[in-house]
PDB file of N, CA and C in Angstrom:
ATOM      1  N   MET A   1      36.729 -10.366  22.999  1.00  0.00           N
ATOM      2  CA  MET A   1      35.878 -10.733  21.974  1.00  0.00           C
ATOM      3  C   MET A   1      35.523 -12.311  21.502  1.00  0.00           C
ATOM      4  N   VAL A   2      34.385 -12.410  21.481  1.00  0.00           N
ATOM      5  CA  VAL A   2      34.078 -13.898  21.399  1.00  0.00           C
ATOM      6  C   VAL A   2      34.670 -14.537  19.826  1.00  0.00           C
ATOM      7  N   GLY A   3      35.261 -15.633  20.069  1.00  0.00           N
ATOM      8  CA  GLY A   3      35.746 -16.315  19.141  1.00  0.00           C
ATOM      9  C   GLY A   3      37.120 -15.736  18.664  1.00  0.00           C
ATOM     10  N   GLU A   4      37.760 -15.004  19.629  1.00  0.00           N
ATOM     11  CA  GLU A   4      39.128 -14.310  19.325  1.00  0.00           C
ATOM     12  C   GLU A   4      40.242 -15.162  18.845  1.00  0.00           C
ATOM     13  N   THR A   5      41.107 -15.015  18.027  1.00  0.00           N
ATOM     14  CA  THR A   5      42.025 -15.766  17.656  1.00  0.00           C
ATOM     15  C   THR A   5      43.384 -15.171  17.782  1.00  0.00           C
ATOM     16  N   PRO A   6      44.440 -15.549  17.808  1.00  0.00           N
ATOM     17  CA  PRO A   6      45.771 -14.952  18.094  1.00  0.00           C
ATOM     18  C   PRO A   6      46.027 -13.943  17.018  1.00  0.00           C
ATOM     19  N   ALA A   7      46.877 -12.923  17.480  1.00  0.00           N
ATOM     20  CA  ALA A   7      47.275 -11.941  16.371  1.00  0.00           C
ATOM     21  C   ALA A   7      48.030 -12.427  15.371  1.00  0.00           C
ATOM     22  N   ARG A   8      47.927 -11.822  14.285  1.00  0.00           N
ATOM     23  CA  ARG A   8      48.578 -12.372  13.007  1.00  0.00           C
ATOM     24  C   ARG A   8      49.134 -10.962  12.332  1.00  0.00           C
ATOM     25  N   GLN A   9      50.445 -11.067  11.567  1.00  0.00           N
ATOM     26  CA  GLN A   9      50.860 -10.135  10.782  1.00  0.00           C
ATOM     27  C   GLN A   9      50.560 -10.141   9.522  1.00  0.00           C
ATOM     28  N   GLU A  10      50.014  -9.021   8.699  1.00  0.00           N
ATOM     29  CA  GLU A  10      49.689  -9.181   7.433  1.00  0.00           C
ATOM     30  C   GLU A  10      50.065  -7.799   6.740  1.00  0.00           C
ATOM     31  N   GLY A  11      50.861  -7.694   5.718  1.00  0.00           N
ATOM     32  CA  GLY A  11      51.256  -6.303   5.131  1.00  0.00           C
ATOM     33  C   GLY A  11      51.718  -5.260   6.110  1.00  0.00           C
ATOM     34  N   GLY A  12      52.394  -5.963   7.039  1.00  0.00           N
ATOM     35  CA  GLY A  12      53.092  -4.868   8.018  1.00  0.00           C
ATOM     36  C   GLY A  12      52.163  -4.397   9.229  1.00  0.00           C
ATOM     37  N   GLU A  13      50.980  -4.860   9.121  1.00  0.00           N
ATOM     38  CA  GLU A  13      49.842  -4.550  10.210  1.00  0.00           C
ATOM     39  C   GLU A  13      49.555  -5.713  11.011  1.00  0.00           C
ATOM     40  N   VAL A  14      49.510  -5.648  12.255  1.00  0.00           N
ATOM     41  CA  VAL A  14      49.202  -6.771  13.253  1.00  0.00           C
ATOM     42  C   VAL A  14      47.653  -6.491  13.653  1.00  0.00           C
ATOM     43  N   PHE A  15      47.029  -7.689  13.485  1.00  0.00           N
ATOM     44  CA  PHE A  15      45.479  -7.498  13.892  1.00  0.00           C
ATOM     45  C   PHE A  15      44.976  -8.866  14.566  1.00  0.00           C
ATOM     46  N   THR A  16      43.695  -8.739  15.162  1.00  0.00           N
ATOM     47  CA  THR A  16      43.346  -9.924  15.756  1.00  0.00           C
ATOM     48  C   THR A  16      42.012 -10.196  15.033  1.00  0.00           C
ATOM     49  N   ALA A  17      41.627 -11.429  14.560  1.00  0.00           N
ATOM     50  CA  ALA A  17      40.645 -11.729  13.933  1.00  0.00           C
ATOM     51  C   ALA A  17      39.762 -12.285  15.142  1.00  0.00           C
ATOM     52  N   GLY A  18      38.266 -11.977  15.046  1.00  0.00           N
ATOM     53  CA  GLY A  18      37.397 -12.585  16.049  1.00  0.00           C
ATOM     54  C   GLY A  18      35.996 -12.475  15.390  1.00  0.00           C
ATOM     55  N   LEU A  19      35.114 -13.017  16.210  1.00  0.00           N
ATOM     56  CA  LEU A  19      33.680 -12.990  15.792  1.00  0.00           C
ATOM     57  C   LEU A  19      33.076 -12.071  16.740  1.00  0.00           C
ATOM     58  N   ILE A  20      32.306 -10.965  16.176  1.00  0.00           N
ATOM     59  CA  ILE A  20      31.353 -10.127  17.239  1.00  0.00           C
ATOM     60  C   ILE A  20      29.871 -10.558  17.162  1.00  0.00           C
ATOM     61  N   VAL A  21      29.339 -11.047  18.039  1.00  0.00           N
ATOM     62  CA  VAL A  21      27.808 -11.410  18.119  1.00  0.00           C
ATOM     63  C   VAL A  21      26.903 -10.370  18.859  1.00  0.00           C
ATOM     64  N   CYS A  22      26.118  -9.773  18.094  1.00  0.00           N
ATOM     65  CA  CYS A  22      25.366  -8.897  18.417  1.00  0.00           C
ATOM     66  C   CYS A  22      23.973  -9.303  18.550  1.00  0.00           C
ATOM     67  N   ALA A  23      23.303  -9.419  19.826  1.00  0.00           N
ATOM     68  CA  ALA A  23      21.946  -9.909  20.104  1.00  0.00           C
ATOM     69  C   ALA A  23      20.925  -8.873  19.721  1.00  0.00           C
ATOM     70  N   ASP A  24      19.979  -9.035  19.012  1.00  0.00           N
ATOM     71  CA  ASP A  24      19.047  -8.282  18.655  1.00  0.00           C
ATOM     72  C   ASP A  24      17.732  -8.132  19.425  1.00  0.00           C
ATOM     73  N   ASP A  25      16.903  -7.034  19.512  1.00  0.00           N
ATOM     74  CA  ASP A  25      15.792  -6.551  20.119  1.00  0.00           C
ATOM     75  C   ASP A  25      15.843  -6.702  21.701  1.00  0.00           C
ATOM     76  N   MET A  26      16.928  -6.271  22.300  1.00  0.00           N
ATOM     77  CA  MET A  26      17.034  -6.070  23.652  1.00  0.00           C
ATOM     78  C   MET A  26      15.964  -4.925  24.132  1.00  0.00           C
ATOM     79  N   GLY A  27      15.093  -5.183  24.963  1.00  0.00           N
ATOM     80  CA  GLY A  27      14.090  -4.168  25.366  1.00  0.00           C
ATOM     81  C   GLY A  27      12.801  -4.597  24.974  1.00  0.00           C
ATOM     82  N   MET A  28      12.587  -5.681  24.112  1.00  0.00           N
ATOM     83  CA  MET A  28      11.433  -6.050  23.670  1.00  0.00           C
ATOM     84  C   MET A  28      10.362  -6.830  24.749  1.00  0.00           C
ATOM     85  N   CYS A  29      11.019  -7.625  25.384  1.00  0.00           N
ATOM     86  CA  CYS A  29      10.251  -8.251  26.529  1.00  0.00           C
ATOM     87  C   CYS A  29      11.280  -8.808  27.638  1.00  0.00           C
ATOM     88  N   ALA A  30      10.807  -9.072  29.009  1.00  0.00           N
ATOM     89  CA  ALA A  30      11.651  -9.491  29.867  1.00  0.00           C
ATOM     90  C   ALA A  30      12.340 -10.802  29.644  1.00  0.00           C
ATOM     91  N   GLU A  31      11.778 -11.667  29.159  1.00  0.00           N
ATOM     92  CA  GLU A  31      12.299 -12.928  28.724  1.00  0.00           C
ATOM     93  C   GLU A  31      13.542 -12.732  27.736  1.00  0.00           C
ATOM     94  N   ARG A  32      13.325 -12.026  26.718  1.00  0.00           N
ATOM     95  CA  ARG A  32      14.444 -11.803  25.747  1.00  0.00           C
ATOM     96  C   ARG A  32      15.555 -11.241  26.377  1.00  0.00           C
ATOM     97  N   ASP A  33      15.297 -10.005  27.337  1.00  0.00           N
ATOM     98  CA  ASP A  33      16.551  -9.516  28.077  1.00  0.00           C
ATOM     99  C   ASP A  33      17.174 -10.444  28.966  1.00  0.00           C
ATOM    100  N   ARG A  34      16.441 -11.236  29.655  1.00  0.00           N
ATOM    101  CA  ARG A  34      17.314 -12.230  30.578  1.00  0.00           C
ATOM    102  C   ARG A  34      18.074 -13.089  29.588  1.00  0.00           C
ATOM    103  N   GLY A  35      17.592 -13.768  28.566  1.00  0.00           N
ATOM    104  CA  GLY A  35      18.333 -14.489  27.735  1.00  0.00           C
ATOM    105  C   GLY A  35      19.606 -13.901  27.104  1.00  0.00           C
ATOM    106  N   ILE A  36      19.458 -12.573  26.678  1.00  0.00           N
ATOM    107  CA  ILE A  36      20.549 -11.732  26.157  1.00  0.00           C
ATOM    108  C   ILE A  36      21.532 -11.519  27.317  1.00  0.00           C
ATOM    109  N   LEU A  37      21.199 -11.154  28.418  1.00  0.00           N
ATOM    110  CA  LEU A  37      21.998 -11.011  29.397  1.00  0.00           C
ATOM    111  C   LEU A  37      22.846 -12.185  30.100  1.00  0.00           C
ATOM    112  N   SER A  38      22.034 -13.470  29.916  1.00  0.00           N
ATOM    113  CA  SER A  38      22.773 -14.644  30.259  1.00  0.00           C
ATOM    114  C   SER A  38      23.733 -15.097  29.074  1.00  0.00           C
ATOM    115  N   ALA A  39      23.328 -14.923  27.762  1.00  0.00           N
ATOM    116  CA  ALA A  39      24.058 -15.142  26.616  1.00  0.00           C
ATOM    117  C   ALA A  39      25.543 -14.221  26.793  1.00  0.00           C
ATOM    118  N   PHE A  40      25.441 -13.022  27.229  1.00  0.00           N
ATOM    119  CA  PHE A  40      26.583 -11.996  27.470  1.00  0.00           C
ATOM    120  C   PHE A  40      27.609 -12.670  28.604  1.00  0.00           C
ATOM    121  N   SER A  41      26.851 -13.029  29.791  1.00  0.00           N
ATOM    122  CA  SER A  41      27.470 -13.250  30.954  1.00  0.00           C
ATOM    123  C   SER A  41      28.210 -14.920  30.646  1.00  0.00           C
ATOM    124  N   HIS A  42      27.824 -15.597  29.633  1.00  0.00           N
ATOM    125  CA  HIS A  42      28.408 -16.743  29.265  1.00  0.00           C
ATOM    126  C   HIS A  42      29.352 -16.801  28.142  1.00  0.00           C
ATOM    127  N   GLY A  43      29.621 -15.537  27.613  1.00  0.00           N
ATOM    128  CA  GLY A  43      30.645 -15.108  26.541  1.00  0.00           C
ATOM    129  C   GLY A  43      29.898 -15.444  25.239  1.00  0.00           C
ATOM    130  N   VAL A  44      28.843 -15.714  25.107  1.00  0.00           N
ATOM    131  CA  VAL A  44      28.259 -15.992  23.740  1.00  0.00           C
ATOM    132  C   VAL A  44      27.981 -14.645  22.769  1.00  0.00           C
ATOM    133  N   VAL A  45      27.622 -13.655  23.672  1.00  0.00           N
ATOM    134  CA  VAL A  45      27.117 -12.408  23.043  1.00  0.00           C
ATOM    135  C   VAL A  45      28.264 -11.289  23.369  1.00  0.00           C
ATOM    136  N   SER A  46      28.539 -10.527  22.500  1.00  0.00           N
ATOM    137  CA  SER A  46      29.469  -9.494  22.629  1.00  0.00           C
ATOM    138  C   SER A  46      28.695  -8.004  22.837  1.00  0.00           C
ATOM    139  N   SER A  47      27.573  -7.849  22.156  1.00  0.00           N
ATOM    140  CA  SER A  47      26.861  -6.656  22.409  1.00  0.00           C
ATOM    141  C   SER A  47      25.318  -6.889  22.003  1.00  0.00           C
ATOM    142  N   ALA A  48      24.494  -5.896  22.213  1.00  0.00           N
ATOM    143  CA  ALA A  48      23.156  -6.137  21.904  1.00  0.00           C
ATOM    144  C   ALA A  48      22.450  -4.797  21.572  1.00  0.00           C
ATOM    145  N   SER A  49      21.540  -5.103  20.591  1.00  0.00           N
ATOM    146  CA  SER A  49      20.948  -3.668  20.038  1.00  0.00           C
ATOM    147  C   SER A  49      19.659  -3.548  20.754  1.00  0.00           C
ATOM    148  N   LEU A  50      19.224  -2.126  21.112  1.00  0.00           N
ATOM    149  CA  LEU A  50      18.282  -1.854  22.179  1.00  0.00           C
ATOM    150  C   LEU A  50      17.059  -1.442  21.378  1.00  0.00           C
ATOM    151  N   LEU A  51      16.212  -2.051  21.640  1.00  0.00           N
ATOM    152  CA  LEU A  51      14.697  -1.752  20.965  1.00  0.00           C
ATOM    153  C   LEU A  51      14.067  -0.647  21.807  1.00  0.00           C
ATOM    154  N   VAL A  52      14.315   0.634  21.682  1.00  0.00           N
ATOM    155  CA  VAL A  52      13.693   1.837  22.667  1.00  0.00           C
ATOM    156  C   VAL A  52      12.261   1.881  22.728  1.00  0.00           C
ATOM    157  N   THR A  53      11.676   1.288  21.599  1.00  0.00           N
ATOM    158  CA  THR A  53      10.152   1.208  21.899  1.00  0.00           C
ATOM    159  C   THR A  53       9.541   0.067  22.519  1.00  0.00           C
ATOM    160  N   GLY A  54      10.480  -0.873  22.939  1.00  0.00           N
ATOM    161  CA  GLY A  54      10.076  -2.079  23.647  1.00  0.00           C
ATOM    162  C   GLY A  54       9.451  -1.979  25.016  1.00  0.00           C
ATOM    163  N   SER A  55       8.614  -2.796  25.346  1.00  0.00           N
ATOM    164  CA  SER A  55       8.084  -2.725  26.623  1.00  0.00           C
ATOM    165  C   SER A  55       9.046  -2.643  27.879  1.00  0.00           C
ATOM    166  N   THR A  56      10.174  -3.199  27.821  1.00  0.00           N
ATOM    167  CA  THR A  56      11.230  -3.343  28.891  1.00  0.00           C
ATOM    168  C   THR A  56      12.500  -2.523  28.455  1.00  0.00           C
ATOM    169  N   ALA A  57      12.417  -1.715  27.798  1.00  0.00           N
ATOM    170  CA  ALA A  57      13.722  -0.945  27.167  1.00  0.00           C
ATOM    171  C   ALA A  57      14.449  -0.204  28.577  1.00  0.00           C
ATOM    172  N   GLN A  58      13.565   0.597  29.392  1.00  0.00           N
ATOM    173  CA  GLN A  58      14.360   1.025  30.449  1.00  0.00           C
ATOM    174  C   GLN A  58      15.053  -0.023  31.324  1.00  0.00           C
ATOM    175  N   ASP A  59      14.369  -1.188  31.799  1.00  0.00           N
ATOM    176  CA  ASP A  59      14.873  -2.272  32.485  1.00  0.00           C
ATOM    177  C   ASP A  59      16.172  -2.814  31.654  1.00  0.00           C
ATOM    178  N   ALA A  60      15.918  -3.007  30.598  1.00  0.00           N
ATOM    179  CA  ALA A  60      17.034  -3.536  29.779  1.00  0.00           C
ATOM    180  C   ALA A  60      18.365  -2.838  29.864  1.00  0.00           C
ATOM    181  N   VAL A  61      18.019  -1.462  29.833  1.00  0.00           N
ATOM    182  CA  VAL A  61      19.392  -0.535  29.735  1.00  0.00           C
ATOM    183  C   VAL A  61      20.010  -0.750  31.109  1.00  0.00           C
ATOM    184  N   ARG A  62      19.286  -0.686  32.351  1.00  0.00           N
ATOM    185  CA  ARG A  62      19.735  -0.955  33.594  1.00  0.00           C
ATOM    186  C   ARG A  62      20.580  -2.244  33.641  1.00  0.00           C
ATOM    187  N   GLY A  63      19.797  -3.296  33.090  1.00  0.00           N
ATOM    188  CA  GLY A  63      20.599  -4.613  33.212  1.00  0.00           C
ATOM    189  C   GLY A  63      21.815  -4.567  32.301  1.00  0.00           C
ATOM    190  N   ALA A  64      21.747  -3.806  31.347  1.00  0.00           N
ATOM    191  CA  ALA A  64      22.879  -3.774  30.306  1.00  0.00           C
ATOM    192  C   ALA A  64      24.193  -3.163  31.317  1.00  0.00           C
ATOM    193  N   ARG A  65      23.830  -1.993  31.925  1.00  0.00           N
ATOM    194  CA  ARG A  65      24.860  -1.408  32.653  1.00  0.00           C
ATOM    195  C   ARG A  65      25.537  -2.115  33.472  1.00  0.00           C
ATOM    196  N   GLU A  66      24.662  -2.746  34.452  1.00  0.00           N
ATOM    197  CA  GLU A  66      25.078  -3.695  35.542  1.00  0.00           C
ATOM    198  C   GLU A  66      25.997  -4.604  35.130  1.00  0.00           C
ATOM    199  N   GLU A  67      25.726  -5.188  34.095  1.00  0.00           N
ATOM    200  CA  GLU A  67      26.572  -6.130  33.340  1.00  0.00           C
ATOM    201  C   GLU A  67      27.726  -5.987  32.556  1.00  0.00           C
ATOM    202  N   GLY A  68      27.690  -4.654  32.192  1.00  0.00           N
ATOM    203  CA  GLY A  68      28.762  -4.103  31.325  1.00  0.00           C
ATOM    204  C   GLY A  68      28.614  -4.347  29.832  1.00  0.00           C
ATOM    205  N   LEU A  69      27.413  -4.785  29.324  1.00  0.00           N
ATOM    206  CA  LEU A  69      26.960  -5.106  28.155  1.00  0.00           C
ATOM    207  C   LEU A  69      26.836  -3.926  27.189  1.00  0.00           C
ATOM    208  N   ALA A  70      27.665  -3.670  26.092  1.00  0.00           N
ATOM    209  CA  ALA A  70      27.534  -2.726  25.210  1.00  0.00           C
ATOM    210  C   ALA A  70      26.178  -2.662  24.327  1.00  0.00           C
ATOM    211  N   LEU A  71      25.332  -1.499  24.326  1.00  0.00           N
ATOM    212  CA  LEU A  71      24.240  -1.518  23.523  1.00  0.00           C
ATOM    213  C   LEU A  71      24.226  -0.482  22.331  1.00  0.00           C
ATOM    214  N   GLY A  72      23.557  -0.881  21.270  1.00  0.00           N
ATOM    215  CA  GLY A  72      23.521  -0.035  20.088  1.00  0.00           C
ATOM    216  C   GLY A  72      22.096   0.166  19.800  1.00  0.00           C
ATOM    217  N   LEU A  73      21.765   0.992  19.027  1.00  0.00           N
ATOM    218  CA  LEU A  73      20.402   1.372  18.811  1.00  0.00           C
ATOM    219  C   LEU A  73      19.835   0.382  17.615  1.00  0.00           C
ATOM    220  N   HIS A  74      18.469   0.183  17.904  1.00  0.00           N
ATOM    221  CA  HIS A  74      17.887  -0.794  16.888  1.00  0.00           C
ATOM    222  C   HIS A  74      16.905   0.188  16.393  1.00  0.00           C
ATOM    223  N   LEU A  75      17.066   0.539  15.059  1.00  0.00           N
ATOM    224  CA  LEU A  75      16.085   1.456  14.412  1.00  0.00           C
ATOM    225  C   LEU A  75      14.714   0.595  14.193  1.00  0.00           C
ATOM    226  N   ASN A  76      13.679   1.037  14.633  1.00  0.00           N
ATOM    227  CA  ASN A  76      12.297   0.337  14.509  1.00  0.00           C
ATOM    228  C   ASN A  76      11.360   1.187  13.830  1.00  0.00           C
ATOM    229  N   LEU A  77      10.880   0.818  12.743  1.00  0.00           N
ATOM    230  CA  LEU A  77       9.640   1.393  12.053  1.00  0.00           C
ATOM    231  C   LEU A  77       8.449   0.607  12.005  1.00  0.00           C
ATOM    232  N   THR A  78       8.516  -0.697  12.447  1.00  0.00           N
ATOM    233  CA  THR A  78       7.454  -1.613  12.155  1.00  0.00           C
ATOM    234  C   THR A  78       6.535  -2.284  13.527  1.00  0.00           C
ATOM    235  N   GLU A  79       7.172  -1.888  14.658  1.00  0.00           N
ATOM    236  CA  GLU A  79       6.551  -2.586  15.852  1.00  0.00           C
ATOM    237  C   GLU A  79       6.121  -1.563  16.775  1.00  0.00           C
ATOM    238  N   GLY A  80       4.978  -1.631  17.538  1.00  0.00           N
ATOM    239  CA  GLY A  80       4.532  -0.944  18.693  1.00  0.00           C
ATOM    240  C   GLY A  80       4.308   0.445  18.338  1.00  0.00           C
ATOM    241  N   PRO A  81       3.904   1.304  19.406  1.00  0.00           N
ATOM    242  CA  PRO A  81       3.811   2.593  19.381  1.00  0.00           C
ATOM    243  C   PRO A  81       5.114   3.336  18.948  1.00  0.00           C
ATOM    244  N   PRO A  82       4.735   4.706  18.305  1.00  0.00           N
ATOM    245  CA  PRO A  82       5.763   5.494  17.831  1.00  0.00           C
ATOM    246  C   PRO A  82       6.475   6.011  19.027  1.00  0.00           C
ATOM    247  N   VAL A  83       7.730   6.530  19.049  1.00  0.00           N
ATOM    248  CA  VAL A  83       8.377   7.376  19.936  1.00  0.00           C
ATOM    249  C   VAL A  83       7.673   8.841  19.614  1.00  0.00           C
ATOM    250  N   ARG A  84       7.791   9.251  18.681  1.00  0.00           N
ATOM    251  CA  ARG A  84       7.160  10.695  18.384  1.00  0.00           C
ATOM    252  C   ARG A  84       5.840  10.621  18.151  1.00  0.00           C
ATOM    253  N   GLY A  85       5.234  11.949  18.319  1.00  0.00           N
ATOM    254  CA  GLY A  85       3.575  11.993  18.374  1.00  0.00           C
ATOM    255  C   GLY A  85       3.129  11.389  16.883  1.00  0.00           C
ATOM    256  N   GLU A  86       2.014  10.977  17.031  1.00  0.00           N
ATOM    257  CA  GLU A  86       1.332  10.193  15.907  1.00  0.00           C
ATOM    258  C   GLU A  86       1.122  11.336  14.757  1.00  0.00           C
ATOM    259  N   GLY A  87       0.864  12.626  15.175  1.00  0.00           N
ATOM    260  CA  GLY A  87       0.972  13.549  13.822  1.00  0.00           C
ATOM    261  C   GLY A  87       2.262  13.765  13.037  1.00  0.00           C
ATOM    262  N   GLU A  88       3.338  13.396  13.821  1.00  0.00           N
ATOM    263  CA  GLU A  88       4.521  13.603  12.948  1.00  0.00           C
ATOM    264  C   GLU A  88       4.826  12.354  12.048  1.00  0.00           C
ATOM    265  N   VAL A  89       4.263  11.188  12.636  1.00  0.00           N
ATOM    266  CA  VAL A  89       4.682   9.934  11.717  1.00  0.00           C
ATOM    267  C   VAL A  89       3.424   9.193  11.255  1.00  0.00           C
ATOM    268  N   GLY A  90       2.443  10.038  10.891  1.00  0.00           N
ATOM    269  CA  GLY A  90       1.158   9.424  10.606  1.00  0.00           C
ATOM    270  C   GLY A  90       1.115   8.546   9.470  1.00  0.00           C
ATOM    271  N   THR A  91       2.106   8.463   8.604  1.00  0.00           N
ATOM    272  CA  THR A  91       2.026   7.665   7.294  1.00  0.00           C
ATOM    273  C   THR A  91       2.410   6.390   7.570  1.00  0.00           C
ATOM    274  N   LEU A  92       2.997   6.169   8.735  1.00  0.00           N
ATOM    275  CA  LEU A  92       3.626   4.856   9.137  1.00  0.00           C
ATOM    276  C   LEU A  92       2.664   4.076   9.899  1.00  0.00           C
ATOM    277  N   LEU A  93       1.490   4.797  10.524  1.00  0.00           N
ATOM    278  CA  LEU A  93       0.569   4.120  11.494  1.00  0.00           C
ATOM    279  C   LEU A  93      -0.669   3.818  10.923  1.00  0.00           C
ATOM    280  N   GLU A  94      -1.226   2.770  11.622  1.00  0.00           N
ATOM    281  CA  GLU A  94      -2.636   2.267  11.143  1.00  0.00           C
ATOM    282  C   GLU A  94      -3.613   3.285  11.928  1.00  0.00           C
ATOM    283  N   GLU A  95      -4.969   2.905  11.810  1.00  0.00           N
ATOM    284  CA  GLU A  95      -5.939   3.800  12.396  1.00  0.00           C
ATOM    285  C   GLU A  95      -5.630   3.683  14.059  1.00  0.00           C
ATOM    286  N   VAL A  96      -5.145   2.689  14.527  1.00  0.00           N
ATOM    287  CA  VAL A  96      -5.151   2.438  16.046  1.00  0.00           C
ATOM    288  C   VAL A  96      -3.968   3.087  16.623  1.00  0.00           C
ATOM    289  N   GLY A  97      -3.231   3.833  15.780  1.00  0.00           N
ATOM    290  CA  GLY A  97      -2.125   4.557  16.355  1.00  0.00           C
ATOM    291  C   GLY A  97      -0.926   3.766  16.531  1.00  0.00           C
ATOM    292  N   GLU A  98      -0.738   2.530  16.087  1.00  0.00           N
ATOM    293  CA  GLU A  98       0.399   1.755  16.233  1.00  0.00           C
ATOM    294  C   GLU A  98       0.886   1.387  14.928  1.00  0.00           C
ATOM    295  N   SER A  99       2.271   0.953  14.725  1.00  0.00           N
ATOM    296  CA  SER A  99       2.845   0.501  13.487  1.00  0.00           C
ATOM    297  C   SER A  99       2.032  -0.714  12.769  1.00  0.00           C
ATOM    298  N   TRP A 100       2.145  -1.028  11.700  1.00  0.00           N
ATOM    299  CA  TRP A 100       1.493  -2.127  11.208  1.00  0.00           C
ATOM    300  C   TRP A 100       1.648  -3.673  11.839  1.00  0.00           C
ATOM    301  N   TRP A 101       2.681  -3.599  12.732  1.00  0.00           N
ATOM    302  CA  TRP A 101       2.975  -5.033  13.330  1.00  0.00           C
ATOM    303  C   TRP A 101       2.922  -4.924  14.899  1.00  0.00           C
ATOM    304  N   PRO A 102       1.973  -4.737  15.510  1.00  0.00           N
ATOM    305  CA  PRO A 102       1.825  -4.430  16.913  1.00  0.00           C
ATOM    306  C   PRO A 102       1.976  -5.789  17.538  1.00  0.00           C
ATOM    307  N   GLY A 103       2.217  -5.676  19.027  1.00  0.00           N
ATOM    308  CA  GLY A 103       2.432  -7.012  19.821  1.00  0.00           C
ATOM    309  C   GLY A 103       3.802  -6.769  20.493  1.00  0.00           C
ATOM    310  N   ASP A 104       3.890  -7.632  21.754  1.00  0.00           N
ATOM    311  CA  ASP A 104       5.171  -7.415  22.623  1.00  0.00           C
ATOM    312  C   ASP A 104       6.335  -8.379  21.874  1.00  0.00           C
ATOM    313  N   GLY A 105       5.893  -9.177  20.795  1.00  0.00           N
ATOM    314  CA  GLY A 105       7.060  -9.807  20.229  1.00  0.00           C
ATOM    315  C   GLY A 105       7.487 -11.213  20.935  1.00  0.00           C
ATOM    316  N   CYS A 106       7.022 -11.302  21.973  1.00  0.00           N
ATOM    317  CA  CYS A 106       7.438 -12.584  23.153  1.00  0.00           C
ATOM    318  C   CYS A 106       6.073 -13.332  23.274  1.00  0.00           C
ATOM    319  N   GLY A 107       5.475 -14.173  22.262  1.00  0.00           N
ATOM    320  CA  GLY A 107       4.593 -14.990  22.338  1.00  0.00           C
ATOM    321  C   GLY A 107       3.144 -14.477  22.214  1.00  0.00           C
ATOM    322  N   ALA A 108       3.095 -13.221  21.893  1.00  0.00           N
ATOM    323  CA  ALA A 108       1.837 -12.470  21.669  1.00  0.00           C
ATOM    324  C   ALA A 108       1.324 -13.092  20.309  1.00  0.00           C
ATOM    325  N   ARG A 109      -0.012 -13.072  20.127  1.00  0.00           N
ATOM    326  CA  ARG A 109      -0.484 -13.201  18.841  1.00  0.00           C
ATOM    327  C   ARG A 109      -0.503 -12.123  18.008  1.00  0.00           C
ATOM    328  N   ARG A 110       0.436 -12.231  16.746  1.00  0.00           N
ATOM    329  CA  ARG A 110       0.551 -11.204  15.892  1.00  0.00           C
ATOM    330  C   ARG A 110      -0.304 -11.207  14.766  1.00  0.00           C
ATOM    331  N   ARG A 111      -0.283  -9.982  14.195  1.00  0.00           N
ATOM    332  CA  ARG A 111      -1.113  -9.960  12.509  1.00  0.00           C
ATOM    333  C   ARG A 111       0.146 -10.110  11.630  1.00  0.00           C
ATOM    334  N   GLU A 112      -0.412 -10.819  10.788  1.00  0.00           N
ATOM    335  CA  GLU A 112       0.437 -10.843   9.526  1.00  0.00           C
ATOM    336  C   GLU A 112       0.045 -10.110   8.212  1.00  0.00           C
ATOM    337  N   PHE A 113       1.120  -9.646   7.442  1.00  0.00           N
ATOM    338  CA  PHE A 113       0.636  -8.900   6.463  1.00  0.00           C
ATOM    339  C   PHE A 113       0.933  -9.652   5.261  1.00  0.00           C
ATOM    340  N   ARG A 114      -0.105 -10.177   4.498  1.00  0.00           N
ATOM    341  CA  ARG A 114      -0.012 -10.854   3.364  1.00  0.00           C
ATOM    342  C   ARG A 114      -0.684 -10.364   2.279  1.00  0.00           C
ATOM    343  N   GLY A 115      -0.172 -10.132   1.251  1.00  0.00           N
ATOM    344  CA  GLY A 115      -0.834  -9.625  -0.030  1.00  0.00           C
ATOM    345  C   GLY A 115      -1.670  -8.294   0.052  1.00  0.00           C
ATOM    346  N   GLY A 116      -1.430  -7.311   0.981  1.00  0.00           N
ATOM    347  CA  GLY A 116      -2.059  -6.069   1.286  1.00  0.00           C
ATOM    348  C   GLY A 116      -3.194  -6.247   2.168  1.00  0.00           C
ATOM    349  N   THR A 117      -3.354  -7.503   3.006  1.00  0.00           N
ATOM    350  CA  THR A 117      -4.265  -7.768   3.894  1.00  0.00           C
ATOM    351  C   THR A 117      -3.796  -8.141   5.124  1.00  0.00           C
ATOM    352  N   PHE A 118      -4.341  -7.702   6.178  1.00  0.00           N
ATOM    353  CA  PHE A 118      -3.856  -8.157   7.576  1.00  0.00           C
ATOM    354  C   PHE A 118      -4.600  -9.379   7.955  1.00  0.00           C
ATOM    355  N   HIS A 119      -4.140 -10.175   8.616  1.00  0.00           N
ATOM    356  CA  HIS A 119      -4.684 -11.457   8.921  1.00  0.00           C
ATOM    357  C   HIS A 119      -4.230 -11.727  10.534  1.00  0.00           C
ATOM    358  N   ALA A 120      -5.155 -11.933  11.280  1.00  0.00           N
ATOM    359  CA  ALA A 120      -4.906 -12.323  12.644  1.00  0.00           C
ATOM    360  C   ALA A 120      -4.505 -13.674  13.245  1.00  0.00           C
TER     361      ALA A 120
END
């Protein structure tokens, strides 16, 4: 565990204190995935959340498995196309069939939502 400290005893129980660092948005893009895997290999990151709707999610899973990086689920309601059909989640979508914040999240120009209006 990152930042692990020696075991100590308190109230009859022995435990080890430490810091768990979970990287966010693995699977969003190749650049982010490489950074997360590098941080894990250097002991900076303990685990990562997988953005299953991300453009590189399948490659991210393969990379995490190869490196032994534990993945959790990143619940995503605001970026990219839905996993379910549009008819099942239509209230979350714009007319273009994507959530209100499209883009790949890695340097792409994004729209911002301010005061009920989208701005490019």
